Structures are given as C-alpha cells and as structure tokens.
Amino acid sequence: MELRQMRYFVRVVELGSMSRAAVDLDVVQSALSQQIGRLEGELATRLLQRSSKGVTPTEAGLAFFQQAQLALRHAQEAARAAQQSRLSGTVSVGLAPTTASVLGLPLMQAVRERYPDVRLHMVESLSGHLGAMLNARQLDLAVLFDTDPGRRWSVTPLLEEKLFLIGARAEGAKAMPAKVNLSDVRSLPLILPSGSHGLRRTLDAALAGNRLRRLSPIEIDSLSMLMDAVRAGLGYTIQPGAALARFAHAPEAFQLSEIADRGVRRLNSLCSLSDDELSPAALAVRVVLADCARALVAERRWAGARASHHEP
C-alpha cells in the first residue's frame, strides 16, 4: 500500500467523482482508476460504489477513508519535521590552491545559505598533501587531480581544465604564441610542484616517460610562491587558468600559451571517504560542492574548464 494510493482514494471520496479527482490531482483518469483498483485488490474489499451520479464509499470504504485521512496527516507532519530539522556538525573540505581560488568562496556561501548550522573546516594545500590527509581521515572531502583506484574513496569526476604555459610579461620579454605543444616546453626553465602532486604526475605521464627534468633550481610546493617566482622571470610554469584567479592584474603580469596536446587536461575529481563513513552533513556538503563546481563551469566563471566527459 502506498501513500499515493491513500491520497488518491481520499480525494475521490472528498470530491465524490473520479473525473473531478483526476483533474484535481493532475493525473489521467484511467491511471487513477487503476490505482484505486489496486488498492481494493490489496485490501480484498470494495471501497467505492460507482454509479452514474459519481462514487460513494462503501461501509468498508468509509472506515478506510477515516484512517487514511489520519495516516496522511501523520505523513505530512513527519515530512514537515524532517524539513525543519537542520543538519549540523563539522565537515572538513580540502581544496588545492588553484581550485580554492575559484570554488572556495562560492562553496562557503552556498553551504551557509543551505545549511546554516553546518560548520566548514576548509583546508587549502597541494593535492598530494590533500590525498594523504583524506587517507588519514583528516578530511571528509577533497577535490583531487590524481585518484588511486586502490584507495577506498568515493570518486565523482567534476570537470576538466585546460593547461597553460605561463610566463612573465616583463619589458623586453619574448611574446609567447597562442598555443604550444608540451614537448616544446621541455627546453624551458620550468618551475613546477614536486613529483608527489597530481599536476606534476599528469604532465610527466603525458610525456610518456620523457619527464620534465629541466627545472629552475627549486621545485616549489606553494602556488603563491611559485607564481611569484614566475612573475619575477625565474622561469615558466604549467598550470590551469585558475592559477591566475587571485591576481587582480594577471593580464599585465603574465602571458599564457595553451598546451595544445590532445588529452592533456587536468581532471578535477570530488573524492570523499566512503558513504558509510560520512556524516549526514558531509553527504550534504558533497552535493553542494558538486553543484557549485558545475554551476561555475556553466556560468563560465571557471576559466578553461568544462564539464567532465567521465561523469556518470
């Protein structure tokens, strides 16, 4: 027996007409009759007396009508109580610096609007560190670029980002072309994160073993410090467009060339502990995060990003 069948039956009795009830409920009359018939079959008794003037409840139907009204009221009260009960608790979310520069503030605003009693613990770090924190249960959720299928994570692809060769726009600096191939940049002094991080592994894998060995004197595991080094003319980096989101005057400070190699993209995946390890609040924030990311892409507020073709 379904609440829908009870609701249909109660409305038919209240209106005294199958056709009027169908219009009121916005269902086809034949479907309404079918549901009432199934209800009568399940109860093994006739509930309605049909005539040319309409329908009236039988004795059994009248008794069922009274109890059905009560059951529907209880169901409405239960739904209202669930809707009014606010989620609460702390949810830890990890974002890489490039991701945080675009997604961080919209996510915080959306969670506050939808779940004002949920407290966010936001962690900004490079993806390799975030993956380790997720494994150590120090985070509930993280947006990562390198996902190991052997880990017991729940993984949802979110979006793909174009990658760019980024250099300083200094006086006398050589103008960069609109697009370059990844193989052409190996001779440049590159400033990149170390090999434990998702972006670096993506680039090394794209070169099929010809790793990006020609680096400036140091690898830098800090986006702000890395971009400062690039802006100072110490070398070039390869990053998504979001790396420039926090620079108010990025066009005056940097020049970009899109990496033209087919398939060289950074995949952003929403990773979390398994569903049975997440609190209701963390499950809700995971949905909000995915909604925010896809909305930013749809509204063209995430530079160089598109919805992932790997989405289910």
C-alpha atoms as a PDB file:
ATOM      1  CA  MET A   1       0.000   0.000   0.000  1.00  0.00           C
ATOM      2  CA  GLU A   2       1.362   3.402  -0.979  1.00  0.00           C
ATOM      3  CA  LEU A   3       0.684   6.866   0.415  1.00  0.00           C
ATOM      4  CA  ARG A   4      -0.098   7.913  -3.145  1.00  0.00           C
ATOM      5  CA  GLN A   5      -2.959   5.399  -3.297  1.00  0.00           C
ATOM      6  CA  MET A   6      -4.322   6.669   0.010  1.00  0.00           C
ATOM      7  CA  ARG A   7      -4.120  10.251  -1.232  1.00  0.00           C
ATOM      8  CA  TYR A   8      -5.930   9.352  -4.437  1.00  0.00           C
ATOM      9  CA  PHE A   9      -8.667   7.473  -2.593  1.00  0.00           C
ATOM     10  CA  VAL A  10      -9.227  10.255  -0.067  1.00  0.00           C
ATOM     11  CA  ARG A  11      -9.551  12.862  -2.823  1.00  0.00           C
ATOM     12  CA  VAL A  12     -12.006  10.727  -4.789  1.00  0.00           C
ATOM     13  CA  VAL A  13     -14.221  10.377  -1.716  1.00  0.00           C
ATOM     14  CA  GLU A  14     -13.963  14.080  -0.874  1.00  0.00           C
ATOM     15  CA  LEU A  15     -14.988  15.132  -4.408  1.00  0.00           C
ATOM     16  CA  GLY A  16     -17.434  12.276  -4.996  1.00  0.00           C
ATOM     17  CA  SER A  17     -16.220  11.899  -8.575  1.00  0.00           C
ATOM     18  CA  MET A  18     -13.414  10.000 -10.258  1.00  0.00           C
ATOM     19  CA  SER A  19     -13.176  12.520 -13.094  1.00  0.00           C
ATOM     20  CA  ARG A  20     -13.068  15.589 -10.827  1.00  0.00           C
ATOM     21  CA  ALA A  21     -10.464  13.927  -8.606  1.00  0.00           C
ATOM     22  CA  ALA A  22      -8.328  13.133 -11.660  1.00  0.00           C
ATOM     23  CA  VAL A  23      -8.388  16.791 -12.702  1.00  0.00           C
ATOM     24  CA  ASP A  24      -7.639  17.957  -9.158  1.00  0.00           C
ATOM     25  CA  LEU A  25      -4.737  15.510  -8.783  1.00  0.00           C
ATOM     26  CA  ASP A  26      -3.477  16.196 -12.320  1.00  0.00           C
ATOM     27  CA  VAL A  27      -3.485  12.526 -13.299  1.00  0.00           C
ATOM     28  CA  VAL A  28      -5.165  10.637 -16.114  1.00  0.00           C
ATOM     29  CA  GLN A  29      -8.497   9.199 -15.003  1.00  0.00           C
ATOM     30  CA  SER A  30      -7.592   5.714 -16.190  1.00  0.00           C
ATOM     31  CA  ALA A  31      -4.416   5.817 -14.069  1.00  0.00           C
ATOM     32  CA  LEU A  32      -6.420   6.999 -11.073  1.00  0.00           C
ATOM     33  CA  SER A  33      -8.947   4.174 -11.528  1.00  0.00           C
ATOM     34  CA  GLN A  34      -6.100   1.690 -11.841  1.00  0.00           C
ATOM     35  CA  GLN A  35      -4.547   2.806  -8.559  1.00  0.00           C
ATOM     36  CA  ILE A  36      -7.879   2.616  -6.737  1.00  0.00           C
ATOM     37  CA  GLY A  37      -8.406  -0.849  -8.215  1.00  0.00           C
ATOM     38  CA  ARG A  38      -5.000  -1.984  -6.954  1.00  0.00           C
ATOM     39  CA  LEU A  39      -5.814  -0.636  -3.507  1.00  0.00           C
ATOM     40  CA  GLU A  40      -9.105  -2.540  -3.432  1.00  0.00           C
ATOM     41  CA  GLY A  41      -7.330  -5.662  -4.649  1.00  0.00           C
ATOM     42  CA  GLU A  42      -4.688  -5.428  -1.932  1.00  0.00           C
ATOM     43  CA  LEU A  43      -7.345  -4.941   0.740  1.00  0.00           C
ATOM     44  CA  ALA A  44      -9.554  -7.622  -0.855  1.00  0.00           C
ATOM     45  CA  THR A  45     -12.657  -5.489  -0.422  1.00  0.00           C
ATOM     46  CA  ARG A  46     -14.715  -2.983  -2.380  1.00  0.00           C
ATOM     47  CA  LEU A  47     -14.070   0.595  -1.196  1.00  0.00           C
ATOM     48  CA  LEU A  48     -16.153   2.608  -3.669  1.00  0.00           C
ATOM     49  CA  GLN A  49     -19.657   2.243  -5.023  1.00  0.00           C
ATOM     50  CA  ARG A  50     -19.759   3.558  -8.569  1.00  0.00           C
ATOM     51  CA  SER A  51     -22.922   4.944 -10.178  1.00  0.00           C
ATOM     52  CA  SER A  52     -23.951   7.341 -12.929  1.00  0.00           C
ATOM     53  CA  LYS A  53     -24.037  10.126 -10.336  1.00  0.00           C
ATOM     54  CA  GLY A  54     -20.471   9.559  -9.171  1.00  0.00           C
ATOM     55  CA  VAL A  55     -18.854   7.462  -6.466  1.00  0.00           C
ATOM     56  CA  THR A  56     -19.611   6.953  -2.798  1.00  0.00           C
ATOM     57  CA  PRO A  57     -17.653   4.968  -0.227  1.00  0.00           C
ATOM     58  CA  THR A  58     -18.891   1.573   0.878  1.00  0.00           C
ATOM     59  CA  GLU A  59     -19.035   0.801   4.590  1.00  0.00           C
ATOM     60  CA  ALA A  60     -15.501  -0.576   4.357  1.00  0.00           C
ATOM     61  CA  GLY A  61     -14.513   2.404   2.256  1.00  0.00           C
ATOM     62  CA  LEU A  62     -15.802   4.868   4.831  1.00  0.00           C
ATOM     63  CA  ALA A  63     -13.834   3.171   7.609  1.00  0.00           C
ATOM     64  CA  PHE A  64     -10.721   3.171   5.422  1.00  0.00           C
ATOM     65  CA  PHE A  65     -11.306   6.831   4.465  1.00  0.00           C
ATOM     66  CA  GLN A  66     -11.199   7.956   8.094  1.00  0.00           C
ATOM     67  CA  GLN A  67      -7.998   6.077   8.856  1.00  0.00           C
ATOM     68  CA  ALA A  68      -6.390   7.133   5.569  1.00  0.00           C
ATOM     69  CA  GLN A  69      -7.005  10.797   6.390  1.00  0.00           C
ATOM     70  CA  LEU A  70      -5.239  10.287   9.718  1.00  0.00           C
ATOM     71  CA  ALA A  71      -2.315   8.463   8.089  1.00  0.00           C
ATOM     72  CA  LEU A  72      -1.862  11.226   5.532  1.00  0.00           C
ATOM     73  CA  ARG A  73      -1.825  13.880   8.244  1.00  0.00           C
ATOM     74  CA  HIS A  74       0.833  11.921  10.127  1.00  0.00           C
ATOM     75  CA  ALA A  75       2.891  11.589   6.957  1.00  0.00           C
ATOM     76  CA  GLN A  76       2.675  15.345   6.337  1.00  0.00           C
ATOM     77  CA  GLU A  77       3.765  16.054   9.916  1.00  0.00           C
ATOM     78  CA  ALA A  78       6.703  13.660   9.558  1.00  0.00           C
ATOM     79  CA  ALA A  79       7.818  15.371   6.334  1.00  0.00           C
ATOM     80  CA  ARG A  80       7.489  18.790   7.934  1.00  0.00           C
ATOM     81  CA  ALA A  81       9.558  17.697  10.947  1.00  0.00           C
ATOM     82  CA  ALA A  82      12.293  16.337   8.674  1.00  0.00           C
ATOM     83  CA  GLN A  83      12.393  19.546   6.635  1.00  0.00           C
ATOM     84  CA  GLN A  84      12.553  21.726   9.728  1.00  0.00           C
ATOM     85  CA  SER A  85      15.301  19.669  11.357  1.00  0.00           C
ATOM     86  CA  ARG A  86      18.569  21.380  10.455  1.00  0.00           C
ATOM     87  CA  LEU A  87      21.720  19.498   9.659  1.00  0.00           C
ATOM     88  CA  SER A  88      24.603  20.277  11.977  1.00  0.00           C
ATOM     89  CA  GLY A  89      28.167  19.207  12.544  1.00  0.00           C
ATOM     90  CA  THR A  90      31.630  19.915  11.161  1.00  0.00           C
ATOM     91  CA  VAL A  91      32.700  18.963   7.636  1.00  0.00           C
ATOM     92  CA  SER A  92      36.353  19.105   6.553  1.00  0.00           C
ATOM     93  CA  VAL A  93      36.924  20.010   2.888  1.00  0.00           C
ATOM     94  CA  GLY A  94      40.293  20.068   1.133  1.00  0.00           C
ATOM     95  CA  LEU A  95      40.945  22.184  -1.974  1.00  0.00           C
ATOM     96  CA  ALA A  96      44.130  22.756  -3.932  1.00  0.00           C
ATOM     97  CA  PRO A  97      45.107  26.453  -4.178  1.00  0.00           C
ATOM     98  CA  THR A  98      44.010  26.796  -7.821  1.00  0.00           C
ATOM     99  CA  THR A  99      40.679  25.128  -7.049  1.00  0.00           C
ATOM    100  CA  ALA A 100      40.174  27.149  -3.877  1.00  0.00           C
ATOM    101  CA  SER A 101      40.700  30.412  -5.747  1.00  0.00           C
ATOM    102  CA  VAL A 102      37.610  29.696  -7.854  1.00  0.00           C
ATOM    103  CA  LEU A 103      35.474  27.334  -5.775  1.00  0.00           C
ATOM    104  CA  GLY A 104      36.293  28.204  -2.167  1.00  0.00           C
ATOM    105  CA  LEU A 105      34.147  31.294  -1.626  1.00  0.00           C
ATOM    106  CA  PRO A 106      31.092  30.092  -3.648  1.00  0.00           C
ATOM    107  CA  LEU A 107      31.158  26.830  -1.689  1.00  0.00           C
ATOM    108  CA  MET A 108      31.256  28.593   1.670  1.00  0.00           C
ATOM    109  CA  GLN A 109      28.424  30.898   0.648  1.00  0.00           C
ATOM    110  CA  ALA A 110      26.271  28.042  -0.644  1.00  0.00           C
ATOM    111  CA  VAL A 111      26.748  25.908   2.473  1.00  0.00           C
ATOM    112  CA  ARG A 112      25.913  28.835   4.748  1.00  0.00           C
ATOM    113  CA  GLU A 113      22.751  29.511   2.739  1.00  0.00           C
ATOM    114  CA  ARG A 114      21.532  25.913   2.591  1.00  0.00           C
ATOM    115  CA  TYR A 115      22.827  24.526   5.899  1.00  0.00           C
ATOM    116  CA  PRO A 116      23.498  27.405   8.311  1.00  0.00           C
ATOM    117  CA  ASP A 117      24.242  25.056  11.230  1.00  0.00           C
ATOM    118  CA  VAL A 118      26.942  23.109   9.375  1.00  0.00           C
ATOM    119  CA  ARG A 119      30.443  24.310  10.217  1.00  0.00           C
ATOM    120  CA  LEU A 120      33.017  24.047   7.439  1.00  0.00           C
ATOM    121  CA  HIS A 121      36.681  23.328   8.086  1.00  0.00           C
ATOM    122  CA  MET A 122      38.403  24.433   4.897  1.00  0.00           C
ATOM    123  CA  VAL A 123      41.934  23.213   4.136  1.00  0.00           C
ATOM    124  CA  GLU A 124      43.985  24.635   1.262  1.00  0.00           C
ATOM    125  CA  SER A 125      47.008  22.582   0.243  1.00  0.00           C
ATOM    126  CA  LEU A 126      48.561  20.931  -2.790  1.00  0.00           C
ATOM    127  CA  SER A 127      46.754  17.837  -3.985  1.00  0.00           C
ATOM    128  CA  GLY A 128      49.386  15.340  -2.823  1.00  0.00           C
ATOM    129  CA  HIS A 129      49.014  16.562   0.740  1.00  0.00           C
ATOM    130  CA  LEU A 130      45.226  16.531   0.499  1.00  0.00           C
ATOM    131  CA  GLY A 131      45.233  12.917  -0.671  1.00  0.00           C
ATOM    132  CA  ALA A 132      47.357  11.932   2.324  1.00  0.00           C
ATOM    133  CA  MET A 133      45.002  13.807   4.658  1.00  0.00           C
ATOM    134  CA  LEU A 134      41.988  12.075   3.146  1.00  0.00           C
ATOM    135  CA  ASN A 135      43.645   8.690   3.644  1.00  0.00           C
ATOM    136  CA  ALA A 136      44.376   9.633   7.259  1.00  0.00           C
ATOM    137  CA  ARG A 137      40.691  10.545   7.791  1.00  0.00           C
ATOM    138  CA  GLN A 138      41.701  14.150   8.453  1.00  0.00           C
ATOM    139  CA  LEU A 139      39.362  15.293   5.677  1.00  0.00           C
ATOM    140  CA  ASP A 140      35.842  14.278   4.730  1.00  0.00           C
ATOM    141  CA  LEU A 141      36.026  15.555   1.140  1.00  0.00           C
ATOM    142  CA  ALA A 142      38.649  16.871  -1.249  1.00  0.00           C
ATOM    143  CA  VAL A 143      38.903  17.897  -4.891  1.00  0.00           C
ATOM    144  CA  LEU A 144      41.888  15.970  -6.258  1.00  0.00           C
ATOM    145  CA  PHE A 145      43.619  15.567  -9.604  1.00  0.00           C
ATOM    146  CA  ASP A 146      45.136  12.121  -9.152  1.00  0.00           C
ATOM    147  CA  THR A 147      42.929   9.327  -7.828  1.00  0.00           C
ATOM    148  CA  ASP A 148      44.245   5.904  -6.959  1.00  0.00           C
ATOM    149  CA  PRO A 149      41.562   3.272  -7.678  1.00  0.00           C
ATOM    150  CA  GLY A 150      43.029   1.118  -4.923  1.00  0.00           C
ATOM    151  CA  ARG A 151      42.019   3.582  -2.254  1.00  0.00           C
ATOM    152  CA  ARG A 152      38.672   3.194  -0.555  1.00  0.00           C
ATOM    153  CA  TRP A 153      37.328   6.523  -1.726  1.00  0.00           C
ATOM    154  CA  SER A 154      34.107   7.603  -3.313  1.00  0.00           C
ATOM    155  CA  VAL A 155      35.172   9.398  -6.523  1.00  0.00           C
ATOM    156  CA  THR A 156      32.997  11.593  -8.752  1.00  0.00           C
ATOM    157  CA  PRO A 157      34.582  13.317 -11.790  1.00  0.00           C
ATOM    158  CA  LEU A 158      33.652  17.006 -11.781  1.00  0.00           C
ATOM    159  CA  LEU A 159      35.372  18.875 -14.596  1.00  0.00           C
ATOM    160  CA  GLU A 160      38.393  19.080 -16.864  1.00  0.00           C
ATOM    161  CA  GLU A 161      40.698  22.105 -17.105  1.00  0.00           C
ATOM    162  CA  LYS A 162      42.906  23.237 -19.952  1.00  0.00           C
ATOM    163  CA  LEU A 163      46.576  23.691 -19.060  1.00  0.00           C
ATOM    164  CA  PHE A 164      48.674  26.710 -19.994  1.00  0.00           C
ATOM    165  CA  LEU A 165      52.337  27.550 -20.181  1.00  0.00           C
ATOM    166  CA  ILE A 166      52.607  30.715 -18.073  1.00  0.00           C
ATOM    167  CA  GLY A 167      55.449  33.209 -18.175  1.00  0.00           C
ATOM    168  CA  ALA A 168      56.145  36.746 -17.029  1.00  0.00           C
ATOM    169  CA  ARG A 169      55.044  39.684 -19.140  1.00  0.00           C
ATOM    170  CA  ALA A 170      58.179  41.695 -18.441  1.00  0.00           C
ATOM    171  CA  GLU A 171      59.632  44.503 -20.506  1.00  0.00           C
ATOM    172  CA  GLY A 172      61.630  43.017 -23.352  1.00  0.00           C
ATOM    173  CA  ALA A 173      60.278  39.510 -22.763  1.00  0.00           C
ATOM    174  CA  LYS A 174      59.668  37.460 -25.893  1.00  0.00           C
ATOM    175  CA  ALA A 175      55.975  37.192 -26.806  1.00  0.00           C
ATOM    176  CA  MET A 176      54.566  33.714 -26.325  1.00  0.00           C
ATOM    177  CA  PRO A 177      52.464  32.014 -29.037  1.00  0.00           C
ATOM    178  CA  ALA A 178      48.761  31.317 -28.505  1.00  0.00           C
ATOM    179  CA  LYS A 179      49.403  27.569 -28.311  1.00  0.00           C
ATOM    180  CA  VAL A 180      52.388  25.300 -27.716  1.00  0.00           C
ATOM    181  CA  ASN A 181      52.972  21.566 -27.603  1.00  0.00           C
ATOM    182  CA  LEU A 182      54.078  20.024 -24.349  1.00  0.00           C
ATOM    183  CA  SER A 183      57.147  18.516 -25.995  1.00  0.00           C
ATOM    184  CA  ASP A 184      58.288  22.020 -26.988  1.00  0.00           C
ATOM    185  CA  VAL A 185      58.479  23.309 -23.424  1.00  0.00           C
ATOM    186  CA  ARG A 186      60.965  20.770 -22.072  1.00  0.00           C
ATOM    187  CA  SER A 187      63.861  23.039 -23.030  1.00  0.00           C
ATOM    188  CA  LEU A 188      62.469  25.906 -20.964  1.00  0.00           C
ATOM    189  CA  PRO A 189      63.387  26.518 -17.320  1.00  0.00           C
ATOM    190  CA  LEU A 190      60.252  25.233 -15.638  1.00  0.00           C
ATOM    191  CA  ILE A 191      59.008  25.875 -12.123  1.00  0.00           C
ATOM    192  CA  LEU A 192      56.604  23.147 -11.018  1.00  0.00           C
ATOM    193  CA  PRO A 193      55.348  21.329  -7.945  1.00  0.00           C
ATOM    194  CA  SER A 194      57.306  18.243  -6.915  1.00  0.00           C
ATOM    195  CA  GLY A 195      56.507  14.779  -8.216  1.00  0.00           C
ATOM    196  CA  SER A 196      54.152  13.817  -5.386  1.00  0.00           C
ATOM    197  CA  HIS A 197      51.449  16.144  -6.677  1.00  0.00           C
ATOM    198  CA  GLY A 198      48.726  15.450  -9.196  1.00  0.00           C
ATOM    199  CA  LEU A 199      49.567  18.151 -11.744  1.00  0.00           C
ATOM    200  CA  ARG A 200      53.212  17.082 -11.965  1.00  0.00           C
ATOM    201  CA  ARG A 201      52.253  13.434 -12.435  1.00  0.00           C
ATOM    202  CA  THR A 202      49.753  14.427 -15.127  1.00  0.00           C
ATOM    203  CA  LEU A 203      52.460  16.270 -17.047  1.00  0.00           C
ATOM    204  CA  ASP A 204      55.059  13.530 -16.662  1.00  0.00           C
ATOM    205  CA  ALA A 205      52.551  10.900 -17.799  1.00  0.00           C
ATOM    206  CA  ALA A 206      51.639  12.986 -20.867  1.00  0.00           C
ATOM    207  CA  LEU A 207      55.269  12.897 -21.981  1.00  0.00           C
ATOM    208  CA  ALA A 208      55.307   9.074 -21.847  1.00  0.00           C
ATOM    209  CA  GLY A 209      58.469   8.774 -19.783  1.00  0.00           C
ATOM    210  CA  ASN A 210      60.242  11.914 -21.021  1.00  0.00           C
ATOM    211  CA  ARG A 211      59.835  13.672 -17.724  1.00  0.00           C
ATOM    212  CA  LEU A 212      60.075  17.436 -17.299  1.00  0.00           C
ATOM    213  CA  ARG A 213      63.574  17.380 -15.839  1.00  0.00           C
ATOM    214  CA  ARG A 214      64.774  20.865 -16.848  1.00  0.00           C
ATOM    215  CA  LEU A 215      63.608  22.818 -13.830  1.00  0.00           C
ATOM    216  CA  SER A 216      64.736  26.001 -12.226  1.00  0.00           C
ATOM    217  CA  PRO A 217      66.952  25.448  -9.181  1.00  0.00           C
ATOM    218  CA  ILE A 218      63.990  24.538  -6.981  1.00  0.00           C
ATOM    219  CA  GLU A 219      60.647  22.796  -7.171  1.00  0.00           C
ATOM    220  CA  ILE A 220      58.014  24.789  -5.321  1.00  0.00           C
ATOM    221  CA  ASP A 221      55.134  23.220  -3.402  1.00  0.00           C
ATOM    222  CA  SER A 222      53.346  26.526  -2.834  1.00  0.00           C
ATOM    223  CA  LEU A 223      51.238  28.126  -5.538  1.00  0.00           C
ATOM    224  CA  SER A 224      51.719  31.707  -4.331  1.00  0.00           C
ATOM    225  CA  MET A 225      55.497  31.332  -4.069  1.00  0.00           C
ATOM    226  CA  LEU A 226      55.631  29.520  -7.423  1.00  0.00           C
ATOM    227  CA  MET A 227      53.700  32.272  -9.195  1.00  0.00           C
ATOM    228  CA  ASP A 228      55.882  34.929  -7.546  1.00  0.00           C
ATOM    229  CA  ALA A 229      58.940  33.185  -8.999  1.00  0.00           C
ATOM    230  CA  VAL A 230      57.342  33.114 -12.454  1.00  0.00           C
ATOM    231  CA  ARG A 231      56.358  36.768 -12.231  1.00  0.00           C
ATOM    232  CA  ALA A 232      59.949  37.609 -11.265  1.00  0.00           C
ATOM    233  CA  GLY A 233      61.138  35.987 -14.502  1.00  0.00           C
ATOM    234  CA  LEU A 234      62.883  32.994 -12.905  1.00  0.00           C
ATOM    235  CA  GLY A 235      61.155  30.537 -15.225  1.00  0.00           C
ATOM    236  CA  TYR A 236      57.871  29.277 -16.626  1.00  0.00           C
ATOM    237  CA  THR A 237      55.176  27.115 -15.113  1.00  0.00           C
ATOM    238  CA  ILE A 238      52.361  24.930 -16.420  1.00  0.00           C
ATOM    239  CA  GLN A 239      49.075  25.476 -14.628  1.00  0.00           C
ATOM    240  CA  PRO A 240      45.338  25.749 -15.304  1.00  0.00           C
ATOM    241  CA  GLY A 241      43.870  29.184 -15.863  1.00  0.00           C
ATOM    242  CA  ALA A 242      42.552  29.165 -12.284  1.00  0.00           C
ATOM    243  CA  ALA A 243      46.133  29.705 -11.072  1.00  0.00           C
ATOM    244  CA  LEU A 244      45.721  33.376 -12.020  1.00  0.00           C
ATOM    245  CA  ALA A 245      42.331  33.868 -10.361  1.00  0.00           C
ATOM    246  CA  ARG A 246      43.781  35.633  -7.314  1.00  0.00           C
ATOM    247  CA  PHE A 247      45.879  38.074  -9.313  1.00  0.00           C
ATOM    248  CA  ALA A 248      43.953  41.313  -9.800  1.00  0.00           C
ATOM    249  CA  HIS A 249      46.180  42.380 -12.697  1.00  0.00           C
ATOM    250  CA  ALA A 250      47.032  38.990 -14.181  1.00  0.00           C
ATOM    251  CA  PRO A 251      46.933  40.133 -17.855  1.00  0.00           C
ATOM    252  CA  GLU A 252      49.551  42.809 -17.118  1.00  0.00           C
ATOM    253  CA  ALA A 253      51.811  40.436 -15.136  1.00  0.00           C
ATOM    254  CA  PHE A 254      51.618  37.151 -17.080  1.00  0.00           C
ATOM    255  CA  GLN A 255      51.323  35.791 -20.597  1.00  0.00           C
ATOM    256  CA  LEU A 256      49.864  32.393 -21.443  1.00  0.00           C
ATOM    257  CA  SER A 257      50.106  29.754 -24.161  1.00  0.00           C
ATOM    258  CA  GLU A 258      47.545  26.972 -24.194  1.00  0.00           C
ATOM    259  CA  ILE A 259      49.009  23.462 -24.136  1.00  0.00           C
ATOM    260  CA  ALA A 260      47.687  22.110 -27.427  1.00  0.00           C
ATOM    261  CA  ASP A 261      48.370  18.398 -26.924  1.00  0.00           C
ATOM    262  CA  ARG A 262      45.207  16.380 -27.271  1.00  0.00           C
ATOM    263  CA  GLY A 263      44.106  14.906 -23.972  1.00  0.00           C
ATOM    264  CA  VAL A 264      46.453  16.980 -21.819  1.00  0.00           C
ATOM    265  CA  ARG A 265      43.914  18.240 -19.340  1.00  0.00           C
ATOM    266  CA  ARG A 266      43.637  18.291 -15.578  1.00  0.00           C
ATOM    267  CA  LEU A 267      40.733  16.214 -14.321  1.00  0.00           C
ATOM    268  CA  ASN A 268      39.157  17.503 -11.111  1.00  0.00           C
ATOM    269  CA  SER A 269      37.514  14.722  -9.112  1.00  0.00           C
ATOM    270  CA  LEU A 270      35.430  15.041  -5.968  1.00  0.00           C
ATOM    271  CA  CYS A 271      36.866  12.455  -3.586  1.00  0.00           C
ATOM    272  CA  SER A 272      35.479  11.549  -0.204  1.00  0.00           C
ATOM    273  CA  LEU A 273      35.523   8.839   2.370  1.00  0.00           C
ATOM    274  CA  SER A 274      33.098   6.046   1.573  1.00  0.00           C
ATOM    275  CA  ASP A 275      29.432   6.896   2.036  1.00  0.00           C
ATOM    276  CA  ASP A 276      29.095   4.791   5.170  1.00  0.00           C
ATOM    277  CA  GLU A 277      31.902   6.801   6.812  1.00  0.00           C
ATOM    278  CA  LEU A 278      30.420  10.220   6.057  1.00  0.00           C
ATOM    279  CA  SER A 279      28.036  12.057   8.370  1.00  0.00           C
ATOM    280  CA  PRO A 280      24.718  13.360   7.002  1.00  0.00           C
ATOM    281  CA  ALA A 281      26.244  16.843   6.994  1.00  0.00           C
ATOM    282  CA  ALA A 282      29.250  15.672   4.950  1.00  0.00           C
ATOM    283  CA  LEU A 283      26.975  13.914   2.466  1.00  0.00           C
ATOM    284  CA  ALA A 284      25.001  17.137   2.063  1.00  0.00           C
ATOM    285  CA  VAL A 285      28.126  19.285   1.603  1.00  0.00           C
ATOM    286  CA  ARG A 286      29.397  16.848  -1.033  1.00  0.00           C
ATOM    287  CA  VAL A 287      26.251  17.513  -3.077  1.00  0.00           C
ATOM    288  CA  VAL A 288      26.604  21.283  -2.601  1.00  0.00           C
ATOM    289  CA  LEU A 289      30.251  21.185  -3.714  1.00  0.00           C
ATOM    290  CA  ALA A 290      29.409  19.301  -6.908  1.00  0.00           C
ATOM    291  CA  ASP A 291      26.522  21.693  -7.638  1.00  0.00           C
ATOM    292  CA  CYS A 292      28.761  24.736  -7.117  1.00  0.00           C
ATOM    293  CA  ALA A 293      31.548  23.429  -9.357  1.00  0.00           C
ATOM    294  CA  ARG A 294      29.210  22.593 -12.222  1.00  0.00           C
ATOM    295  CA  ALA A 295      27.395  25.921 -11.880  1.00  0.00           C
ATOM    296  CA  LEU A 296      30.694  27.813 -12.100  1.00  0.00           C
ATOM    297  CA  VAL A 297      31.537  25.948 -15.304  1.00  0.00           C
ATOM    298  CA  ALA A 298      28.082  26.506 -16.789  1.00  0.00           C
ATOM    299  CA  GLU A 299      28.277  30.228 -15.968  1.00  0.00           C
ATOM    300  CA  ARG A 300      31.805  30.459 -17.489  1.00  0.00           C
ATOM    301  CA  ARG A 301      33.250  31.594 -14.180  1.00  0.00           C
ATOM    302  CA  TRP A 302      35.889  28.851 -14.124  1.00  0.00           C
ATOM    303  CA  ALA A 303      38.464  29.796 -16.772  1.00  0.00           C
ATOM    304  CA  GLY A 304      39.402  26.999 -19.148  1.00  0.00           C
ATOM    305  CA  ALA A 305      37.110  24.438 -17.507  1.00  0.00           C
ATOM    306  CA  ARG A 306      34.444  22.212 -18.991  1.00  0.00           C
ATOM    307  CA  ALA A 307      32.181  19.504 -17.592  1.00  0.00           C
ATOM    308  CA  SER A 308      33.985  16.190 -17.383  1.00  0.00           C
ATOM    309  CA  HIS A 309      33.208  13.668 -20.114  1.00  0.00           C
ATOM    310  CA  HIS A 310      33.773  10.995 -17.478  1.00  0.00           C
ATOM    311  CA  GLU A 311      30.697  11.963 -15.478  1.00  0.00           C
ATOM    312  CA  PRO A 312      28.209   9.095 -14.986  1.00  0.00           C
END
